[in-house]
C-alpha atoms as a PDB file:
ATOM      1  CA  MET A   1      29.863  39.283  90.046  1.00  0.00           C
ATOM      2  CA  MET A   2      29.290  41.352  93.104  1.00  0.00           C
ATOM      3  CA  THR A   3      26.415  43.483  93.140  1.00  0.00           C
ATOM      4  CA  GLY A   4      26.007  47.316  94.316  1.00  0.00           C
ATOM      5  CA  THR A   5      24.181  46.124  97.446  1.00  0.00           C
ATOM      6  CA  GLU A   6      27.033  43.220  98.347  1.00  0.00           C
ATOM      7  CA  GLY A   7      29.732  45.896  97.464  1.00  0.00           C
ATOM      8  CA  ARG A   8      28.133  48.199  99.901  1.00  0.00           C
ATOM      9  CA  SER A   9      27.937  45.812 102.545  1.00  0.00           C
ATOM     10  CA  ARG A  10      31.294  44.755 102.107  1.00  0.00           C
ATOM     11  CA  ARG A  11      32.668  48.089 102.417  1.00  0.00           C
ATOM     12  CA  ARG A  12      30.544  48.830 105.538  1.00  0.00           C
ATOM     13  CA  GLY A  13      32.141  45.468 106.941  1.00  0.00           C
ATOM     14  CA  ASP A  14      35.623  46.344 106.014  1.00  0.00           C
ATOM     15  CA  ARG A  15      35.270  49.792 107.716  1.00  0.00           C
ATOM     16  CA  LEU A  16      33.646  48.309 111.094  1.00  0.00           C
ATOM     17  CA  LEU A  17      36.605  45.767 110.911  1.00  0.00           C
ATOM     18  CA  ALA A  18      39.053  48.587 110.841  1.00  0.00           C
ATOM     19  CA  GLN A  19      37.437  50.411 113.612  1.00  0.00           C
ATOM     20  CA  ILE A  20      37.374  47.358 115.896  1.00  0.00           C
ATOM     21  CA  TYR A  21      41.149  46.655 115.484  1.00  0.00           C
ATOM     22  CA  ALA A  22      41.612  50.501 116.129  1.00  0.00           C
ATOM     23  CA  ALA A  23      39.523  50.127 119.170  1.00  0.00           C
ATOM     24  CA  THR A  24      41.144  47.097 120.648  1.00  0.00           C
ATOM     25  CA  LEU A  25      44.686  48.776 120.141  1.00  0.00           C
ATOM     26  CA  THR A  26      43.567  52.030 122.011  1.00  0.00           C
ATOM     27  CA  GLU A  27      41.887  49.675 124.603  1.00  0.00           C
ATOM     28  CA  LEU A  28      45.159  47.678 125.112  1.00  0.00           C
ATOM     29  CA  ALA A  29      47.277  51.071 125.317  1.00  0.00           C
ATOM     30  CA  ASP A  30      44.836  52.702 127.736  1.00  0.00           C
ATOM     31  CA  HIS A  31      44.109  49.781 129.803  1.00  0.00           C
ATOM     32  CA  GLY A  32      46.822  47.190 129.453  1.00  0.00           C
ATOM     33  CA  TYR A  33      46.054  43.589 128.504  1.00  0.00           C
ATOM     34  CA  ALA A  34      43.850  42.864 131.551  1.00  0.00           C
ATOM     35  CA  GLY A  35      41.774  45.597 131.429  1.00  0.00           C
ATOM     36  CA  VAL A  36      40.769  45.024 127.463  1.00  0.00           C
ATOM     37  CA  THR A  37      36.728  43.602 127.449  1.00  0.00           C
ATOM     38  CA  MET A  38      34.600  42.809 124.537  1.00  0.00           C
ATOM     39  CA  ALA A  39      32.400  45.426 125.766  1.00  0.00           C
ATOM     40  CA  GLY A  40      35.115  48.288 126.203  1.00  0.00           C
ATOM     41  CA  VAL A  41      36.092  47.397 122.433  1.00  0.00           C
ATOM     42  CA  ALA A  42      32.454  47.253 121.295  1.00  0.00           C
ATOM     43  CA  ALA A  43      31.733  50.865 122.775  1.00  0.00           C
ATOM     44  CA  ARG A  44      34.559  52.347 121.484  1.00  0.00           C
ATOM     45  CA  ALA A  45      34.229  50.921 118.002  1.00  0.00           C
ATOM     46  CA  GLY A  46      30.711  52.175 118.077  1.00  0.00           C
ATOM     47  CA  THR A  47      29.018  49.035 117.587  1.00  0.00           C
ATOM     48  CA  GLY A  48      27.362  46.087 119.709  1.00  0.00           C
ATOM     49  CA  LYS A  49      29.043  42.979 121.323  1.00  0.00           C
ATOM     50  CA  GLY A  50      27.222  40.952 118.789  1.00  0.00           C
ATOM     51  CA  PRO A  51      29.476  41.321 115.943  1.00  0.00           C
ATOM     52  CA  LEU A  52      32.555  40.693 117.808  1.00  0.00           C
ATOM     53  CA  TYR A  53      31.074  37.490 119.303  1.00  0.00           C
ATOM     54  CA  ARG A  54      30.134  36.289 115.872  1.00  0.00           C
ATOM     55  CA  ARG A  55      33.749  36.856 114.627  1.00  0.00           C
ATOM     56  CA  TRP A  56      35.813  36.206 117.914  1.00  0.00           C
ATOM     57  CA  PRO A  57      34.831  33.695 120.662  1.00  0.00           C
ATOM     58  CA  GLY A  58      36.676  36.024 123.191  1.00  0.00           C
ATOM     59  CA  LYS A  59      39.277  38.832 123.811  1.00  0.00           C
ATOM     60  CA  ASP A  60      42.446  36.566 123.277  1.00  0.00           C
ATOM     61  CA  ALA A  61      41.424  35.458 119.863  1.00  0.00           C
ATOM     62  CA  LEU A  62      40.457  39.169 119.154  1.00  0.00           C
ATOM     63  CA  ILE A  63      43.757  40.627 120.233  1.00  0.00           C
ATOM     64  CA  ALA A  64      45.726  37.865 118.442  1.00  0.00           C
ATOM     65  CA  ASP A  65      43.968  38.862 115.260  1.00  0.00           C
ATOM     66  CA  THR A  66      44.277  42.583 115.615  1.00  0.00           C
ATOM     67  CA  VAL A  67      48.027  42.180 116.134  1.00  0.00           C
ATOM     68  CA  ARG A  68      47.956  40.323 112.711  1.00  0.00           C
ATOM     69  CA  HIS A  69      45.885  42.867 110.894  1.00  0.00           C
ATOM     70  CA  GLY A  70      45.538  45.878 112.654  1.00  0.00           C
ATOM     71  CA  LEU A  71      49.202  46.859 113.443  1.00  0.00           C
ATOM     72  CA  PRO A  72      50.568  49.096 110.637  1.00  0.00           C
ATOM     73  CA  ALA A  73      52.614  47.034 108.425  1.00  0.00           C
ATOM     74  CA  THR A  74      56.646  47.626 108.171  1.00  0.00           C
ATOM     75  CA  SER A  75      57.465  49.481 105.007  1.00  0.00           C
ATOM     76  CA  SER A  76      60.989  49.910 103.552  1.00  0.00           C
ATOM     77  CA  PRO A  77      61.484  52.033 100.251  1.00  0.00           C
ATOM     78  CA  GLY A  78      64.605  49.798  99.835  1.00  0.00           C
ATOM     79  CA  TYR A  79      68.509  50.708  99.652  1.00  0.00           C
ATOM     80  CA  SER A  80      68.872  54.207  97.836  1.00  0.00           C
ATOM     81  CA  GLY A  81      72.437  54.429  97.700  1.00  0.00           C
ATOM     82  CA  ASP A  82      72.952  56.207 101.164  1.00  0.00           C
ATOM     83  CA  VAL A  83      72.815  53.434 104.030  1.00  0.00           C
ATOM     84  CA  ARG A  84      72.630  55.824 106.940  1.00  0.00           C
ATOM     85  CA  ALA A  85      69.859  57.753 105.347  1.00  0.00           C
ATOM     86  CA  ASP A  86      67.864  54.548 104.833  1.00  0.00           C
ATOM     87  CA  LEU A  87      68.441  53.294 108.588  1.00  0.00           C
ATOM     88  CA  LEU A  88      67.485  56.577 110.273  1.00  0.00           C
ATOM     89  CA  GLY A  89      64.235  56.562 108.101  1.00  0.00           C
ATOM     90  CA  LEU A  90      63.411  52.965 109.375  1.00  0.00           C
ATOM     91  CA  LEU A  91      64.483  53.862 113.231  1.00  0.00           C
ATOM     92  CA  ARG A  92      62.323  57.342 112.770  1.00  0.00           C
ATOM     93  CA  GLN A  93      59.438  54.938 111.407  1.00  0.00           C
ATOM     94  CA  LEU A  94      59.636  52.547 114.350  1.00  0.00           C
ATOM     95  CA  ALA A  95      59.841  55.629 116.699  1.00  0.00           C
ATOM     96  CA  ASP A  96      56.807  57.193 115.388  1.00  0.00           C
ATOM     97  CA  GLY A  97      54.957  53.694 115.357  1.00  0.00           C
ATOM     98  CA  LEU A  98      55.958  53.148 119.357  1.00  0.00           C
ATOM     99  CA  ALA A  99      54.597  56.986 119.835  1.00  0.00           C
ATOM    100  CA  SER A 100      51.088  55.945 118.135  1.00  0.00           C
ATOM    101  CA  PRO A 101      48.467  53.711 120.109  1.00  0.00           C
ATOM    102  CA  GLY A 102      49.997  50.798 118.626  1.00  0.00           C
ATOM    103  CA  GLY A 103      52.800  51.568 120.415  1.00  0.00           C
ATOM    104  CA  GLY A 104      51.183  51.547 123.472  1.00  0.00           C
ATOM    105  CA  ALA A 105      49.457  48.309 122.681  1.00  0.00           C
ATOM    106  CA  MET A 106      52.714  46.590 121.884  1.00  0.00           C
ATOM    107  CA  ARG A 107      53.794  47.488 125.510  1.00  0.00           C
ATOM    108  CA  ALA A 108      50.846  46.035 126.891  1.00  0.00           C
ATOM    109  CA  LEU A 109      51.217  43.079 124.469  1.00  0.00           C
ATOM    110  CA  LEU A 110      54.931  42.393 125.239  1.00  0.00           C
ATOM    111  CA  GLY A 111      54.176  42.253 128.893  1.00  0.00           C
ATOM    112  CA  GLU A 112      51.849  38.880 128.191  1.00  0.00           C
ATOM    113  CA  THR A 113      53.952  37.311 125.518  1.00  0.00           C
ATOM    114  CA  HIS A 114      55.362  34.933 128.388  1.00  0.00           C
ATOM    115  CA  ARG A 115      51.928  33.932 129.522  1.00  0.00           C
ATOM    116  CA  ARG A 116      50.387  33.597 125.932  1.00  0.00           C
ATOM    117  CA  PRO A 117      52.784  32.229 123.275  1.00  0.00           C
ATOM    118  CA  GLU A 118      50.242  32.777 120.661  1.00  0.00           C
ATOM    119  CA  LEU A 119      50.882  36.716 121.044  1.00  0.00           C
ATOM    120  CA  MET A 120      54.447  36.130 120.645  1.00  0.00           C
ATOM    121  CA  SER A 121      53.737  34.081 117.403  1.00  0.00           C
ATOM    122  CA  ALA A 122      51.534  36.708 116.088  1.00  0.00           C
ATOM    123  CA  LEU A 123      54.027  39.524 116.940  1.00  0.00           C
ATOM    124  CA  ARG A 124      56.939  37.752 115.131  1.00  0.00           C
ATOM    125  CA  GLU A 125      54.472  37.113 112.145  1.00  0.00           C
ATOM    126  CA  LYS A 126      53.166  40.655 111.944  1.00  0.00           C
ATOM    127  CA  VAL A 127      55.980  42.840 113.371  1.00  0.00           C
ATOM    128  CA  PHE A 128      59.377  41.274 114.001  1.00  0.00           C
ATOM    129  CA  GLU A 129      59.868  38.912 111.041  1.00  0.00           C
ATOM    130  CA  PRO A 130      59.021  41.392 108.172  1.00  0.00           C
ATOM    131  CA  ARG A 131      60.970  44.151 110.146  1.00  0.00           C
ATOM    132  CA  GLY A 132      63.866  41.768 110.240  1.00  0.00           C
ATOM    133  CA  GLN A 133      63.652  40.941 106.418  1.00  0.00           C
ATOM    134  CA  ALA A 134      63.184  44.226 105.122  1.00  0.00           C
ATOM    135  CA  LEU A 135      66.016  45.582 107.106  1.00  0.00           C
ATOM    136  CA  ARG A 136      68.535  42.589 105.699  1.00  0.00           C
ATOM    137  CA  ALA A 137      67.424  43.159 102.215  1.00  0.00           C
ATOM    138  CA  LEU A 138      68.433  46.755 102.897  1.00  0.00           C
ATOM    139  CA  LEU A 139      71.780  46.003 104.479  1.00  0.00           C
ATOM    140  CA  ARG A 140      72.623  43.089 101.704  1.00  0.00           C
ATOM    141  CA  GLU A 141      72.696  46.057  99.152  1.00  0.00           C
ATOM    142  CA  ALA A 142      74.498  48.439 101.147  1.00  0.00           C
ATOM    143  CA  ALA A 143      77.332  45.498 101.834  1.00  0.00           C
ATOM    144  CA  ALA A 144      77.370  45.036  97.968  1.00  0.00           C
ATOM    145  CA  ALA A 145      77.942  48.672  97.563  1.00  0.00           C
ATOM    146  CA  GLY A 146      80.657  48.955  99.863  1.00  0.00           C
ATOM    147  CA  GLU A 147      79.182  50.956 102.554  1.00  0.00           C
ATOM    148  CA  ILE A 148      78.929  48.190 105.305  1.00  0.00           C
ATOM    149  CA  HIS A 149      80.737  44.897 105.935  1.00  0.00           C
ATOM    150  CA  PRO A 150      79.398  42.172 104.169  1.00  0.00           C
ATOM    151  CA  ALA A 151      79.653  39.864 107.311  1.00  0.00           C
ATOM    152  CA  ALA A 152      77.709  41.880 109.611  1.00  0.00           C
ATOM    153  CA  VAL A 153      74.459  41.700 107.786  1.00  0.00           C
ATOM    154  CA  GLU A 154      73.823  38.007 109.211  1.00  0.00           C
ATOM    155  CA  THR A 155      74.617  38.923 112.737  1.00  0.00           C
ATOM    156  CA  HIS A 156      73.032  40.353 115.485  1.00  0.00           C
ATOM    157  CA  LEU A 157      74.295  43.480 114.701  1.00  0.00           C
ATOM    158  CA  ALA A 158      71.836  44.048 112.161  1.00  0.00           C
ATOM    159  CA  ASP A 159      68.728  44.560 114.204  1.00  0.00           C
ATOM    160  CA  LEU A 160      70.496  46.330 117.041  1.00  0.00           C
ATOM    161  CA  GLY A 161      69.440  49.713 116.304  1.00  0.00           C
ATOM    162  CA  HIS A 162      65.828  48.597 116.444  1.00  0.00           C
ATOM    163  CA  ARG A 163      66.398  46.674 119.850  1.00  0.00           C
ATOM    164  CA  LEU A 164      68.122  49.793 121.580  1.00  0.00           C
ATOM    165  CA  LEU A 165      64.800  51.889 120.349  1.00  0.00           C
ATOM    166  CA  MET A 166      62.581  49.017 121.909  1.00  0.00           C
ATOM    167  CA  PHE A 167      64.622  49.014 124.949  1.00  0.00           C
ATOM    168  CA  ARG A 168      64.424  52.922 125.390  1.00  0.00           C
ATOM    169  CA  PHE A 169      60.624  52.905 124.812  1.00  0.00           C
ATOM    170  CA  LEU A 170      59.942  50.074 127.220  1.00  0.00           C
ATOM    171  CA  THR A 171      62.031  51.513 129.982  1.00  0.00           C
ATOM    172  CA  GLU A 172      61.208  55.460 129.287  1.00  0.00           C
ATOM    173  CA  GLY A 173      58.214  55.513 127.177  1.00  0.00           C
ATOM    174  CA  ALA A 174      57.500  57.399 123.948  1.00  0.00           C
ATOM    175  CA  PRO A 175      57.975  59.753 122.296  1.00  0.00           C
ATOM    176  CA  ILE A 176      61.779  58.771 121.505  1.00  0.00           C
ATOM    177  CA  PRO A 177      63.589  62.100 121.092  1.00  0.00           C
ATOM    178  CA  ASP A 178      65.177  62.556 117.266  1.00  0.00           C
ATOM    179  CA  HIS A 179      68.586  62.626 118.983  1.00  0.00           C
ATOM    180  CA  ILE A 180      68.612  59.690 120.505  1.00  0.00           C
ATOM    181  CA  ILE A 181      67.557  57.840 117.383  1.00  0.00           C
ATOM    182  CA  ILE A 182      70.757  59.747 115.812  1.00  0.00           C
ATOM    183  CA  GLU A 183      73.112  58.652 118.568  1.00  0.00           C
ATOM    184  CA  ILE A 184      72.158  55.165 118.514  1.00  0.00           C
ATOM    185  CA  LEU A 185      72.673  55.280 114.378  1.00  0.00           C
ATOM    186  CA  ASP A 186      75.573  57.247 114.584  1.00  0.00           C
ATOM    187  CA  ASP A 187      77.638  56.145 117.654  1.00  0.00           C
ATOM    188  CA  VAL A 188      76.667  52.653 117.863  1.00  0.00           C
ATOM    189  CA  LEU A 189      74.868  50.951 114.817  1.00  0.00           C
ATOM    190  CA  LEU A 190      76.829  52.319 111.987  1.00  0.00           C
ATOM    191  CA  PRO A 191      80.292  52.115 113.467  1.00  0.00           C
ATOM    192  CA  LEU A 192      79.303  48.216 114.284  1.00  0.00           C
ATOM    193  CA  LEU A 193      78.028  47.433 110.732  1.00  0.00           C
ATOM    194  CA  ARG A 194      81.193  48.642 109.094  1.00  0.00           C
ATOM    195  CA  ALA A 195      83.613  47.076 111.352  1.00  0.00           C
ATOM    196  CA  GLU A 196      84.840  43.453 110.707  1.00  0.00           C
ATOM    197  CA  PRO A 197      82.668  41.500 112.839  1.00  0.00           C
ATOM    198  CA  HIS A 198      84.216  39.779 115.878  1.00  0.00           C
ATOM    199  CA  VAL A 199      84.787  35.983 115.321  1.00  0.00           C
ATOM    200  CA  PRO A 200      84.794  34.272 118.848  1.00  0.00           C
ATOM    201  CA  GLY A 201      87.837  31.746 119.089  1.00  0.00           C
ATOM    202  CA  PRO A 202      90.619  30.663 121.381  1.00  0.00           C
ATOM    203  CA  TRP A 203      92.463  33.256 123.260  1.00  0.00           C
ATOM    204  CA  SER A 204      95.973  33.557 122.541  1.00  0.00           C
ATOM    205  CA  PRO A 205      98.674  35.449 124.070  1.00  0.00           C
ATOM    206  CA  SER A 206     100.036  38.669 122.217  1.00  0.00           C
ATOM    207  CA  LYS A 207     103.320  38.668 120.586  1.00  0.00           C
ATOM    208  CA  ASP A 208     104.207  41.914 122.555  1.00  0.00           C
ATOM    209  CA  PRO A 209     106.253  40.486 125.500  1.00  0.00           C
ATOM    210  CA  SER A 210     105.031  43.281 127.750  1.00  0.00           C
ATOM    211  CA  THR A 211     101.598  42.022 127.264  1.00  0.00           C
ATOM    212  CA  PRO A 212     100.699  39.373 130.224  1.00  0.00           C
ATOM    213  CA  ALA A 213      99.905  35.831 128.448  1.00  0.00           C
ATOM    214  CA  HIS A 214      96.877  35.528 131.103  1.00  0.00           C
ATOM    215  CA  PRO A 215      94.649  38.338 132.376  1.00  0.00           C
ATOM    216  CA  ASP A 216      95.859  37.083 136.132  1.00  0.00           C
ATOM    217  CA  THR A 217      99.353  37.170 135.079  1.00  0.00           C
ATOM    218  CA  PRO A 218     100.994  40.158 136.403  1.00  0.00           C
ATOM    219  CA  ARG A 219     103.274  42.246 134.210  1.00  0.00           C
ATOM    220  CA  PRO A 220     107.250  41.657 134.575  1.00  0.00           C
END
């Protein structure tokens, strides 16, 4: 059984850990991966370097741990009966996250993943896979209700909206205007999810004799 002193110590330890994670994200957003130092994180967190080095051997381990435990978790209330409203909520949640210090940190991290595969592993574990699972669970229910085409759920179309928001963020920064989010949803994502997905196969000529049998064949 935990004593009162042990409980207070645990709470102080949890608060310090949260402060260190928040400080690491802010340092990443402000200075980029290369500019993060243990001393800078410690100063921003209001502690010394000792507590950091007792837990992490260096900044690479600290940053990877921050990705796993310091970034906000993806949450989804599930299917409400209105897939457009649900997808709009998820896209706005992503846009809000990208406009936060965590978003700035994400930009810095993505620039390092080709050199540091452990970062990509941490991002997949904490960010990409949970988001994909929550999204597909919602879309399966929407497909069962007849709102979208069932075959679209397991294709690359499912997370196209999130990918387009990420591209906009990486090329133009944050915040992402709400009208852009709505355009992505209404003009791109929903029409594709509601259409029958294209299944690649051998090309066959049209039965219409006015259509060329090959793109290079001149019309009669």
